Amino acid sequence: MMHLLDAIGAGIFAFSGALLIVWGLTLWTRRPPVVARRRSDPIVFLFEGQDLVDATPAARRLLRGQPEGGPDLAKVLRLLERGFGPDLGPRLAELPSGGRLSLASPNGAGAVEVAEEGGALRLTLRPDGVGASAIDTLAFDAAREELQLLRGLAEDSPHPIWTLDVRGELTWANRAYLALADIASVRPGDPDGATVARAAWPVQPLWDSPTDLAEGRPLQERLALASPDSEEPLWYDVTSVRRGPGSLHFATDVTSLVQAEVTRLHFVQTLAKTFAHLATGLAVFDRDRRLVLFNPAFLDLTGLPIEFLSGRPLVQAVLDRLRDARILPEPRDYASWRESVAALEAAAAQGEYRETWTLPGGQTWRVTGRPHPDGALAFLFEDISGEVGLARRIRTEVDTMRDVLDALDEAVAVFSPAGGLFLSSATYEGLWGPSSSAMPDKALADEVARWKAGCHPSSAWSRLENLAPDRPTPIEEQVRLLDGRKLAMRAAPLPHGALLVRFQGSVGRDRPEDEALAPHDSARRTEPA
């Protein structure tokens, strides 16, 4: 019986050993095909210069996800440097024609073999036998490096970035977003508020996610964020993108831009209100010579339709309308008109255009063209009909006054408060001759000198020279010309500081033989009528 049991045990042991041997042989026979399969899929790149001209499928899979642009050889070397070190590129550059190079990876990524063949460069990457393949190691390193780069970009970005789930709850945010959340939620004087707010995760989103987001279609909105320590809100341009069930968001601070736009708007409104009360017509054209601004005075002066002006017409079209309305001085033909318009525009762009337009209706306009920054052009239209009429009336009154003075027998001269000869009669010029003062504003002193030279000594001249400009006193003296004639000289102050000096004709002669007139008087009397 014992022998039977021993025989049975030996049989079981032998059967088990046989099974183990068969299982081991099966594994041994199966493994070489796996290695052979891996080795049958080589990683080979073929370059001509810097350009990749051919590559095996495994090599092309290794290049997936690499940045676009740049030389192909540089991309491959940048990828291989992770496993073979930074000296691979310099060693390839030193490779002679027909040369070969083999380099093993220090971190188990296999080996790289390089051969230069007839101007082409063959680069073969071989795995390290039964270990992890080079493509797996390099792909993992590249993915890990790219992940670290993307994480760094997201965390270090100065712009807030965050993600929301399908329920609109915050799932991730970078440092800029969390800092902004602190500013928005923590009140001044509460330094521990940020810690408390951070502890209550998830943080309440600063803005709600848009409900109409579509996959791959970014949506941008300008949103405000209340600031606890300021009455003015913070403004951000928020770009939202649908990503799977959730959403990805980016924010850019545009507070300064919004404030600048508000300031510009207020400035433009202030200018518009100011221009609206000006009596001068204003028309501003941009660099393309389109009307961008005009005031009510321009409408009133020109009578052009508001619909036409609101359509941003060109400067030529505006001037054509003014010509049709008989507001512009019209040349004889249309060609001359076009030339004058071009000359007007060019002169205004140089800041040299300033003309007076006399209109057929009797009005007079002063038109000024001025250049502005960025090529803009402004025209000012002033109705100076009143000024011109006043100037004409004053000129008529002055001419009438001259005629009255010329009709007097007295020689009359009027001096301004500064001493300039303002007005003189024909009798005065006949007696003393026209004024030849080199300084018209200081003609009184020169005229007194002429009077002294044409007369015998008299105290009247010193009294005139010492006359106080601010409080002149009347002077009345008799003076005697060199020819013996006597004149009654009277000086009297006029309103506003002016001075009136009169010389009344001859009152007698010392010698009867001095019948000859003074040279100026003789010359005046012999002039033809």
Protein backbone atom coordinates (compact mmCIF):
# COMPACT_ATOMS: atom_id res chain seq x y z
CA MET A 1 0.00 0.00 0.00
CA MET A 2 2.83 2.34 0.86
CA HIS A 3 4.49 1.61 -2.42
CA LEU A 4 1.27 2.48 -4.20
CA LEU A 5 1.02 5.84 -2.46
CA ASP A 6 4.63 6.64 -3.25
CA ALA A 7 4.06 5.82 -6.87
CA ILE A 8 0.99 8.05 -7.02
CA GLY A 9 2.88 10.96 -5.36
CA ALA A 10 5.78 10.57 -7.73
CA GLY A 11 3.39 10.64 -10.65
CA ILE A 12 1.73 13.83 -9.44
CA PHE A 13 5.10 15.49 -8.91
CA ALA A 14 6.27 14.47 -12.35
CA PHE A 15 3.05 15.72 -13.91
CA SER A 16 3.37 19.09 -12.13
CA GLY A 17 6.97 19.43 -13.21
CA ALA A 18 6.00 18.69 -16.76
CA LEU A 19 3.30 21.35 -16.66
CA LEU A 20 5.80 23.93 -15.38
CA ILE A 21 8.27 23.03 -18.10
CA VAL A 22 5.59 23.32 -20.79
CA TRP A 23 4.40 26.69 -19.40
CA GLY A 24 7.99 27.98 -19.32
CA LEU A 25 8.64 26.84 -22.85
CA THR A 26 5.47 28.55 -23.96
CA LEU A 27 6.57 31.83 -22.44
CA TRP A 28 10.05 31.42 -23.86
CA THR A 29 8.70 30.80 -27.33
CA ARG A 30 6.22 33.69 -27.11
CA ARG A 31 8.58 36.49 -25.91
CA PRO A 32 10.92 36.70 -28.93
CA PRO A 33 8.06 37.64 -31.28
CA VAL A 34 7.20 40.55 -28.96
CA VAL A 35 10.79 41.77 -29.02
CA ALA A 36 10.95 41.11 -32.71
CA ARG A 37 7.77 43.15 -33.19
CA ARG A 38 9.24 46.08 -31.33
CA ARG A 39 12.50 45.78 -33.15
CA SER A 40 10.71 45.45 -36.49
CA ASP A 41 9.24 48.94 -36.03
CA PRO A 42 12.43 51.05 -36.20
CA ILE A 43 12.63 54.79 -35.55
CA VAL A 44 14.49 56.28 -38.49
CA PHE A 45 14.71 59.91 -39.71
CA LEU A 46 16.24 60.92 -43.05
CA PHE A 47 17.33 64.56 -43.47
CA GLU A 48 18.69 66.60 -46.33
CA GLY A 49 20.21 69.61 -44.71
CA GLN A 50 17.68 70.81 -42.13
CA ASP A 51 14.64 69.33 -43.90
CA LEU A 52 13.05 66.00 -43.03
CA VAL A 53 12.58 64.11 -46.31
CA ASP A 54 11.49 60.71 -44.95
CA ALA A 55 10.68 58.97 -41.67
CA THR A 56 9.28 55.67 -40.46
CA PRO A 57 5.77 55.57 -38.91
CA ALA A 58 7.24 55.21 -35.42
CA ALA A 59 9.46 58.23 -36.04
CA ARG A 60 6.51 60.30 -37.21
CA ARG A 61 4.52 59.29 -34.12
CA LEU A 62 7.38 60.57 -32.00
CA LEU A 63 7.08 64.00 -33.64
CA ARG A 64 3.39 64.35 -32.86
CA GLY A 65 2.65 67.35 -30.68
CA GLN A 66 5.87 69.17 -31.54
CA PRO A 67 5.55 72.94 -32.18
CA GLU A 68 4.94 74.04 -35.75
CA GLY A 69 7.55 76.05 -37.62
CA GLY A 70 11.32 75.99 -37.50
CA PRO A 71 13.82 73.54 -39.04
CA ASP A 72 12.87 69.86 -38.86
CA LEU A 73 16.32 68.75 -37.68
CA ALA A 74 16.19 71.22 -34.80
CA LYS A 75 12.84 69.76 -33.68
CA VAL A 76 14.23 66.21 -33.58
CA LEU A 77 17.40 67.26 -31.78
CA ARG A 78 15.37 69.21 -29.24
CA LEU A 79 13.32 66.07 -28.60
CA LEU A 80 16.35 63.75 -28.37
CA GLU A 81 18.27 66.05 -26.05
CA ARG A 82 15.94 64.93 -23.25
CA GLY A 83 17.41 61.41 -23.42
CA PHE A 84 20.86 61.91 -24.95
CA GLY A 85 22.06 65.22 -23.56
CA PRO A 86 22.66 68.66 -25.08
CA ASP A 87 25.89 67.69 -26.89
CA LEU A 88 24.12 65.66 -29.58
CA GLY A 89 23.62 68.69 -31.82
CA PRO A 90 27.25 69.91 -31.71
CA ARG A 91 28.51 66.38 -32.41
CA LEU A 92 26.26 66.08 -35.43
CA ALA A 93 27.54 69.40 -36.72
CA GLU A 94 31.11 68.05 -36.56
CA LEU A 95 30.24 64.82 -38.37
CA PRO A 96 32.33 64.57 -41.59
CA SER A 97 31.09 63.34 -44.95
CA GLY A 98 30.54 59.58 -44.77
CA GLY A 99 31.02 59.66 -41.00
CA ARG A 100 29.13 57.69 -38.39
CA LEU A 101 28.19 58.34 -34.80
CA SER A 102 26.70 56.11 -32.10
CA LEU A 103 25.60 57.49 -28.76
CA ALA A 104 24.01 55.61 -25.86
CA SER A 105 21.44 57.23 -23.60
CA PRO A 106 22.48 57.57 -19.95
CA ASN A 107 18.88 57.18 -18.73
CA GLY A 108 17.90 54.01 -20.58
CA ALA A 109 16.30 55.57 -23.63
CA GLY A 110 18.31 53.31 -25.94
CA ALA A 111 20.94 54.43 -28.44
CA VAL A 112 21.03 56.77 -31.39
CA GLU A 113 23.03 56.01 -34.52
CA VAL A 114 23.81 58.68 -37.09
CA ALA A 115 25.27 58.13 -40.55
CA GLU A 116 26.11 60.67 -43.24
CA GLU A 117 25.44 59.18 -46.68
CA GLY A 118 25.92 61.27 -49.81
CA GLY A 119 24.78 64.55 -48.31
CA ALA A 120 21.86 62.95 -46.47
CA LEU A 121 21.78 62.33 -42.74
CA ARG A 122 20.23 59.10 -41.44
CA LEU A 123 19.34 59.14 -37.76
CA THR A 124 18.26 55.83 -36.21
CA LEU A 125 16.95 55.47 -32.66
CA ARG A 126 17.27 51.96 -31.21
CA PRO A 127 15.54 50.76 -28.02
CA ASP A 128 17.56 49.12 -25.24
CA GLY A 129 16.49 45.57 -25.93
CA VAL A 130 13.74 44.22 -23.72
CA GLY A 131 13.47 47.39 -21.59
CA ALA A 132 11.18 50.34 -22.17
CA SER A 133 11.38 51.53 -25.74
CA ALA A 134 12.98 54.85 -26.62
CA ILE A 135 9.77 56.13 -28.08
CA ASP A 136 7.92 55.48 -24.80
CA THR A 137 10.62 57.13 -22.69
CA LEU A 138 11.03 60.17 -24.92
CA ALA A 139 7.29 60.59 -25.42
CA PHE A 140 6.74 60.42 -21.66
CA ASP A 141 9.52 62.95 -21.02
CA ALA A 142 8.14 65.27 -23.69
CA ALA A 143 4.62 65.01 -22.31
CA ARG A 144 5.83 65.63 -18.76
CA GLU A 145 7.89 68.64 -19.86
CA GLU A 146 4.98 70.05 -21.85
CA LEU A 147 2.67 69.54 -18.88
CA GLN A 148 5.07 71.41 -16.60
CA LEU A 149 5.34 74.21 -19.15
CA LEU A 150 1.58 74.53 -19.49
CA ARG A 151 1.13 74.50 -15.73
CA GLY A 152 3.76 77.21 -15.37
CA LEU A 153 2.15 79.31 -18.08
CA ALA A 154 -1.25 79.05 -16.46
CA GLU A 155 -0.06 79.70 -12.91
CA ASP A 156 2.37 82.51 -13.75
CA SER A 157 0.07 84.29 -16.18
CA PRO A 158 -0.74 87.85 -15.03
CA HIS A 159 -4.26 87.35 -16.40
CA PRO A 160 -6.88 85.53 -14.35
CA ILE A 161 -7.63 82.03 -15.71
CA TRP A 162 -10.18 79.62 -14.28
CA THR A 163 -12.40 76.65 -15.13
CA LEU A 164 -16.01 75.96 -14.20
CA ASP A 165 -17.88 72.67 -14.21
CA VAL A 166 -21.28 72.04 -15.74
CA ARG A 167 -22.95 73.40 -12.58
CA GLY A 168 -20.98 76.65 -12.78
CA GLU A 169 -18.79 75.87 -9.77
CA LEU A 170 -15.12 76.75 -9.74
CA THR A 171 -12.90 73.71 -10.34
CA TRP A 172 -9.50 75.37 -10.86
CA ALA A 173 -8.03 78.88 -10.83
CA ASN A 174 -4.55 80.36 -11.19
CA ARG A 175 -2.82 82.73 -8.80
CA ALA A 176 -3.98 85.87 -10.63
CA TYR A 177 -7.62 84.79 -10.30
CA LEU A 178 -7.27 84.00 -6.60
CA ALA A 179 -5.57 87.35 -5.98
CA LEU A 180 -8.42 89.10 -7.79
CA ALA A 181 -10.94 87.12 -5.74
CA ASP A 182 -9.19 88.37 -2.59
CA ILE A 183 -9.50 91.97 -3.78
CA ALA A 184 -13.17 91.54 -4.59
CA SER A 185 -14.17 89.72 -1.39
CA VAL A 186 -11.92 91.10 1.35
CA ARG A 187 -12.90 94.37 2.96
CA PRO A 188 -10.30 97.02 3.88
CA GLY A 189 -8.97 96.55 7.41
CA ASP A 190 -9.67 92.78 7.39
CA PRO A 191 -6.26 91.10 6.78
CA ASP A 192 -7.59 87.65 7.76
CA GLY A 193 -10.43 87.81 5.30
CA ALA A 194 -8.35 86.38 2.45
CA THR A 195 -7.42 83.29 4.47
CA VAL A 196 -11.04 82.69 5.43
CA ALA A 197 -12.18 83.18 1.84
CA ARG A 198 -9.56 80.78 0.50
CA ALA A 199 -10.49 78.12 3.07
CA ALA A 200 -14.10 78.04 1.85
CA TRP A 201 -13.41 76.10 -1.36
CA PRO A 202 -14.78 76.19 -3.95
CA VAL A 203 -14.40 79.94 -4.16
CA GLN A 204 -17.49 81.74 -5.38
CA PRO A 205 -16.95 82.57 -9.09
CA LEU A 206 -16.39 86.24 -9.78
CA TRP A 207 -18.65 86.11 -12.84
CA ASP A 208 -21.32 83.69 -14.00
CA SER A 209 -20.56 81.47 -16.96
CA PRO A 210 -22.40 82.37 -20.19
CA THR A 211 -25.25 80.02 -20.96
CA ASP A 212 -24.89 80.15 -24.75
CA LEU A 213 -21.35 78.79 -25.04
CA ALA A 214 -20.65 76.53 -28.02
CA GLU A 215 -17.78 74.08 -28.37
CA GLY A 216 -14.72 75.71 -29.94
CA ARG A 217 -16.39 79.14 -30.31
CA PRO A 218 -14.95 81.70 -27.89
CA LEU A 219 -17.30 84.31 -26.47
CA GLN A 220 -15.94 87.65 -25.25
CA GLU A 221 -17.75 89.98 -22.84
CA ARG A 222 -16.78 93.16 -21.02
CA LEU A 223 -17.75 92.68 -17.37
CA ALA A 224 -17.51 94.85 -14.28
CA LEU A 225 -16.28 93.79 -10.86
CA ALA A 226 -17.11 95.83 -7.78
CA SER A 227 -14.08 96.96 -5.79
CA PRO A 228 -14.54 97.25 -1.99
CA ASP A 229 -12.06 100.11 -1.62
CA SER A 230 -13.18 102.19 -4.61
CA GLU A 231 -16.43 103.59 -5.95
CA GLU A 232 -15.29 102.88 -9.50
CA PRO A 233 -15.63 99.23 -10.61
CA LEU A 234 -12.89 97.15 -12.15
CA TRP A 235 -13.45 96.21 -15.79
CA TYR A 236 -12.33 93.00 -17.51
CA ASP A 237 -12.65 91.54 -20.99
CA VAL A 238 -13.62 87.92 -20.25
CA THR A 239 -13.16 85.27 -22.96
CA SER A 240 -15.07 82.02 -22.35
CA VAL A 241 -14.60 78.72 -24.22
CA ARG A 242 -16.63 75.53 -23.89
CA ARG A 243 -14.40 72.54 -22.97
CA GLY A 244 -16.33 69.29 -22.63
CA PRO A 245 -18.98 69.56 -19.92
CA GLY A 246 -17.28 72.57 -18.34
CA SER A 247 -15.85 75.84 -19.53
CA LEU A 248 -12.49 77.64 -19.61
CA HIS A 249 -12.24 81.39 -18.98
CA PHE A 250 -9.61 84.11 -19.44
CA ALA A 251 -9.82 87.70 -18.16
CA THR A 252 -7.86 90.78 -19.21
CA ASP A 253 -7.85 93.92 -17.08
CA VAL A 254 -9.17 96.82 -19.18
CA THR A 255 -9.98 99.21 -16.32
CA SER A 256 -7.50 101.81 -17.56
CA LEU A 257 -8.88 101.49 -21.09
CA VAL A 258 -12.47 101.94 -19.91
CA GLN A 259 -11.51 104.93 -17.77
CA ALA A 260 -9.69 106.46 -20.75
CA GLU A 261 -12.75 105.90 -22.95
CA VAL A 262 -15.01 107.51 -20.33
CA THR A 263 -12.63 110.46 -20.01
CA ARG A 264 -12.51 110.82 -23.79
CA LEU A 265 -16.30 110.64 -23.99
CA HIS A 266 -16.67 113.33 -21.33
CA PHE A 267 -14.09 115.45 -23.10
CA VAL A 268 -15.89 115.08 -26.42
CA GLN A 269 -19.20 115.92 -24.76
CA THR A 270 -17.65 119.00 -23.16
CA LEU A 271 -16.25 120.08 -26.51
CA ALA A 272 -19.59 119.44 -28.18
CA LYS A 273 -21.38 121.58 -25.59
CA THR A 274 -18.76 124.30 -25.99
CA PHE A 275 -18.94 124.18 -29.77
CA ALA A 276 -22.73 124.27 -29.61
CA HIS A 277 -22.63 127.75 -28.07
CA LEU A 278 -20.03 129.16 -30.44
CA ALA A 279 -21.13 131.67 -33.04
CA THR A 280 -18.31 130.43 -35.28
CA GLY A 281 -19.20 127.53 -37.56
CA LEU A 282 -16.93 124.51 -37.09
CA ALA A 283 -16.46 121.55 -39.44
CA VAL A 284 -13.82 118.89 -38.71
CA PHE A 285 -12.76 116.32 -41.32
CA ASP A 286 -10.73 113.19 -40.52
CA ARG A 287 -7.61 112.00 -42.33
CA ASP A 288 -9.83 110.51 -45.06
CA ARG A 289 -11.41 113.96 -45.45
CA ARG A 290 -14.80 112.85 -44.16
CA LEU A 291 -16.88 115.11 -41.93
CA VAL A 292 -16.73 113.80 -38.35
CA LEU A 293 -17.78 116.84 -36.31
CA PHE A 294 -19.80 120.00 -36.86
CA ASN A 295 -21.63 122.41 -34.57
CA PRO A 296 -25.06 124.10 -34.81
CA ALA A 297 -23.48 127.37 -35.94
CA PHE A 298 -22.20 125.60 -39.06
CA LEU A 299 -25.74 124.43 -39.76
CA ASP A 300 -27.14 127.91 -39.26
CA LEU A 301 -24.52 129.58 -41.44
CA THR A 302 -24.60 127.13 -44.33
CA GLY A 303 -28.20 125.94 -44.22
CA LEU A 304 -27.05 122.44 -45.29
CA PRO A 305 -29.43 119.57 -44.41
CA ILE A 306 -28.64 117.71 -41.20
CA GLU A 307 -29.20 114.40 -43.01
CA PHE A 308 -26.48 115.26 -45.51
CA LEU A 309 -23.97 116.30 -42.85
CA SER A 310 -24.72 113.27 -40.66
CA GLY A 311 -23.78 111.00 -43.57
CA ARG A 312 -20.09 111.93 -43.13
CA PRO A 313 -19.65 113.48 -46.59
CA LEU A 314 -16.25 114.23 -48.08
CA VAL A 315 -14.88 117.74 -47.92
CA GLN A 316 -15.32 118.10 -51.70
CA ALA A 317 -18.99 117.17 -51.39
CA VAL A 318 -19.51 119.75 -48.63
CA LEU A 319 -17.84 122.48 -50.67
CA ASP A 320 -19.88 121.47 -53.71
CA ARG A 321 -23.06 121.91 -51.67
CA LEU A 322 -21.86 125.32 -50.49
CA ARG A 323 -21.18 126.27 -54.09
CA ASP A 324 -24.66 125.15 -55.13
CA ALA A 325 -26.10 127.28 -52.32
CA ARG A 326 -24.12 130.29 -53.65
CA ILE A 327 -22.17 130.54 -50.42
CA LEU A 328 -18.75 130.08 -51.97
CA PRO A 329 -17.14 132.53 -54.39
CA GLU A 330 -17.77 130.76 -57.69
CA PRO A 331 -15.08 130.51 -60.40
CA ARG A 332 -16.00 130.88 -64.05
CA ASP A 333 -15.89 127.16 -64.85
CA TYR A 334 -16.11 123.84 -63.00
CA ALA A 335 -12.50 122.86 -63.73
CA SER A 336 -11.26 126.03 -62.08
CA TRP A 337 -13.59 125.29 -59.18
CA ARG A 338 -12.06 121.83 -58.67
CA GLU A 339 -8.57 123.29 -58.78
CA SER A 340 -9.52 125.91 -56.21
CA VAL A 341 -10.98 123.20 -53.93
CA ALA A 342 -7.77 121.16 -54.16
CA ALA A 343 -5.69 124.27 -53.45
CA LEU A 344 -7.94 125.14 -50.50
CA GLU A 345 -7.56 121.66 -49.01
CA ALA A 346 -3.78 121.66 -49.49
CA ALA A 347 -3.38 125.13 -47.99
CA ALA A 348 -5.54 124.19 -44.99
CA ALA A 349 -3.47 121.06 -44.40
CA GLN A 350 -0.39 123.31 -44.20
CA GLY A 351 -2.14 125.72 -41.85
CA GLU A 352 -1.93 128.53 -44.40
CA TYR A 353 -5.55 128.93 -45.50
CA ARG A 354 -7.25 132.14 -44.35
CA GLU A 355 -9.56 134.01 -46.68
CA THR A 356 -12.46 136.43 -46.63
CA TRP A 357 -15.44 135.38 -48.71
CA THR A 358 -17.80 138.04 -50.01
CA LEU A 359 -21.08 136.28 -50.71
CA PRO A 360 -23.65 137.28 -53.32
CA GLY A 361 -26.18 138.06 -50.59
CA GLY A 362 -23.98 140.78 -49.16
CA GLN A 363 -22.59 138.73 -46.29
CA THR A 364 -18.89 138.52 -45.54
CA TRP A 365 -17.29 135.39 -44.09
CA ARG A 366 -13.84 134.76 -42.72
CA VAL A 367 -12.82 131.15 -43.45
CA THR A 368 -9.81 129.57 -41.76
CA GLY A 369 -8.38 126.11 -42.37
CA ARG A 370 -6.24 124.49 -39.69
CA PRO A 371 -4.51 121.10 -39.60
CA HIS A 372 -4.99 118.80 -36.63
CA PRO A 373 -3.16 115.66 -35.39
CA ASP A 374 -3.40 112.43 -37.37
CA GLY A 375 -4.10 114.27 -40.60
CA ALA A 376 -7.44 115.78 -39.56
CA LEU A 377 -8.56 119.11 -40.96
CA ALA A 378 -10.77 121.78 -39.36
CA PHE A 379 -12.53 124.69 -41.02
CA LEU A 380 -13.79 127.72 -39.10
CA PHE A 381 -16.54 129.84 -40.67
CA GLU A 382 -17.12 133.28 -39.14
CA ASP A 383 -19.79 135.70 -40.27
CA ILE A 384 -17.97 139.03 -40.06
CA SER A 385 -20.60 141.03 -41.87
CA GLY A 386 -21.21 143.08 -38.72
CA GLU A 387 -17.50 143.73 -38.24
CA VAL A 388 -17.08 144.71 -41.87
CA GLY A 389 -20.11 147.00 -41.68
CA LEU A 390 -18.83 148.59 -38.46
CA ALA A 391 -15.39 149.08 -39.98
CA ARG A 392 -16.97 150.71 -43.00
CA ARG A 393 -19.04 153.03 -40.81
CA ILE A 394 -15.99 153.98 -38.75
CA ARG A 395 -13.98 154.57 -41.88
CA THR A 396 -16.80 156.74 -43.25
CA GLU A 397 -16.95 158.70 -40.02
CA VAL A 398 -13.18 159.18 -40.00
CA ASP A 399 -13.25 160.32 -43.62
CA THR A 400 -16.07 162.73 -42.79
CA MET A 401 -14.12 164.07 -39.84
CA ARG A 402 -11.08 164.55 -42.04
CA ASP A 403 -13.17 166.46 -44.53
CA VAL A 404 -14.49 168.66 -41.72
CA LEU A 405 -10.97 169.34 -40.43
CA ASP A 406 -9.73 170.06 -43.92
CA ALA A 407 -12.50 172.64 -44.32
CA LEU A 408 -11.30 174.58 -41.25
CA ASP A 409 -8.91 177.50 -41.49
CA GLU A 410 -7.05 176.24 -38.44
CA ALA A 411 -4.13 173.84 -38.60
CA VAL A 412 -5.28 170.94 -36.40
CA ALA A 413 -3.31 167.95 -35.12
CA VAL A 414 -4.62 165.22 -32.79
CA PHE A 415 -2.19 163.04 -30.83
CA SER A 416 -2.96 159.72 -29.19
CA PRO A 417 -2.31 159.09 -25.46
CA ALA A 418 1.01 157.49 -26.43
CA GLY A 419 2.07 160.57 -28.39
CA GLY A 420 1.42 159.30 -31.89
CA LEU A 421 0.02 161.61 -34.56
CA PHE A 422 -3.51 160.28 -34.91
CA LEU A 423 -5.11 162.87 -37.19
CA SER A 424 -4.13 166.10 -38.94
CA SER A 425 -5.86 168.52 -41.26
CA ALA A 426 -4.79 169.63 -44.70
CA THR A 427 -4.09 173.13 -43.31
CA TYR A 428 -1.71 171.59 -40.77
CA GLU A 429 0.18 169.71 -43.47
CA GLY A 430 0.26 172.86 -45.58
CA LEU A 431 1.76 174.81 -42.68
CA TRP A 432 4.25 172.28 -41.33
CA GLY A 433 4.46 169.67 -44.05
CA PRO A 434 3.69 165.92 -43.70
CA SER A 435 5.01 164.22 -40.57
CA SER A 436 8.37 162.51 -41.14
CA SER A 437 8.76 160.94 -37.70
CA ALA A 438 10.78 157.72 -37.68
CA MET A 439 8.68 156.58 -34.71
CA PRO A 440 4.99 157.21 -35.50
CA ASP A 441 3.95 156.19 -31.98
CA LYS A 442 6.20 158.94 -30.53
CA ALA A 443 5.46 161.64 -33.11
CA LEU A 444 4.60 164.41 -30.58
CA ALA A 445 8.23 165.01 -29.62
CA ASP A 446 9.28 165.10 -33.27
CA GLU A 447 6.46 167.49 -34.15
CA VAL A 448 7.39 169.84 -31.30
CA ALA A 449 10.96 169.81 -32.59
CA ARG A 450 9.70 170.77 -36.07
CA TRP A 451 7.60 173.58 -34.62
CA LYS A 452 10.57 174.93 -32.67
CA ALA A 453 12.74 174.83 -35.77
CA GLY A 454 10.19 176.82 -37.78
CA CYS A 455 9.55 179.50 -35.14
CA HIS A 456 11.38 182.03 -33.03
CA PRO A 457 12.14 180.96 -29.47
CA SER A 458 9.08 180.72 -27.25
CA SER A 459 8.16 179.30 -23.85
CA ALA A 460 5.27 177.46 -25.50
CA TRP A 461 7.56 174.68 -26.71
CA SER A 462 9.01 173.94 -23.30
CA ARG A 463 5.50 173.88 -21.86
CA LEU A 464 4.49 171.36 -24.52
CA GLU A 465 7.58 169.23 -23.88
CA ASN A 466 6.88 169.18 -20.14
CA LEU A 467 3.21 168.45 -20.58
CA ALA A 468 2.16 165.67 -18.21
CA PRO A 469 0.76 162.77 -20.23
CA ASP A 470 -1.71 161.73 -17.55
CA ARG A 471 -3.04 165.23 -16.64
CA PRO A 472 -2.29 167.71 -19.41
CA THR A 473 -3.32 171.32 -18.81
CA PRO A 474 -4.56 173.61 -21.57
CA ILE A 475 -1.89 175.80 -23.17
CA GLU A 476 -2.55 178.98 -25.13
CA GLU A 477 0.41 180.92 -26.54
CA GLN A 478 1.34 183.14 -29.46
CA VAL A 479 4.30 182.01 -31.53
CA ARG A 480 6.07 183.74 -34.40
CA LEU A 481 7.21 181.94 -37.51
CA LEU A 482 10.65 182.63 -38.93
CA ASP A 483 8.98 184.61 -41.73
CA GLY A 484 7.43 186.92 -39.14
CA ARG A 485 3.89 185.65 -39.16
CA LYS A 486 2.22 185.20 -35.83
CA LEU A 487 0.20 182.12 -34.92
CA ALA A 488 -2.11 181.46 -32.03
CA MET A 489 -1.18 178.01 -30.66
CA ARG A 490 -3.68 176.23 -28.42
CA ALA A 491 -3.20 172.76 -26.85
CA ALA A 492 -6.14 171.16 -25.05
CA PRO A 493 -6.69 167.68 -23.63
CA LEU A 494 -9.30 165.40 -25.14
CA PRO A 495 -11.14 162.46 -23.55
CA HIS A 496 -9.23 159.20 -23.07
CA GLY A 497 -5.84 160.95 -22.92
CA ALA A 498 -5.68 162.37 -26.45
CA LEU A 499 -4.26 165.86 -27.14
CA LEU A 500 -5.57 168.49 -29.56
CA VAL A 501 -3.13 171.12 -30.90
CA ARG A 502 -4.42 174.01 -33.07
CA PHE A 503 -2.58 176.73 -34.94
CA GLN A 504 -4.78 179.62 -35.99
CA GLY A 505 -3.66 181.63 -39.05
CA SER A 506 -1.43 184.72 -39.15
CA VAL A 507 -2.38 187.56 -36.72
CA GLY A 508 0.09 190.10 -38.16
CA ARG A 509 3.66 190.58 -39.45
CA ASP A 510 6.58 192.48 -38.01
CA ARG A 511 7.80 193.67 -41.41
CA PRO A 512 5.57 194.58 -44.35
CA GLU A 513 8.19 193.33 -46.76
CA ASP A 514 7.73 189.74 -45.55
CA GLU A 515 4.84 189.11 -47.85
CA ALA A 516 6.18 185.82 -49.08
CA LEU A 517 4.38 182.80 -47.66
CA ALA A 518 6.12 179.99 -45.97
CA PRO A 519 7.41 177.38 -48.42
CA HIS A 520 4.82 174.74 -47.42
CA ASP A 521 1.98 177.26 -47.70
CA SER A 522 3.23 178.40 -51.10
CA ALA A 523 3.53 174.87 -52.31
CA ARG A 524 0.05 174.05 -51.11
CA ARG A 525 -1.50 177.07 -52.83
CA THR A 526 0.18 176.45 -56.15
CA GLU A 527 -1.07 172.85 -56.37
CA PRO A 528 -3.52 172.37 -59.24
CA ALA A 529 -7.14 172.21 -58.25
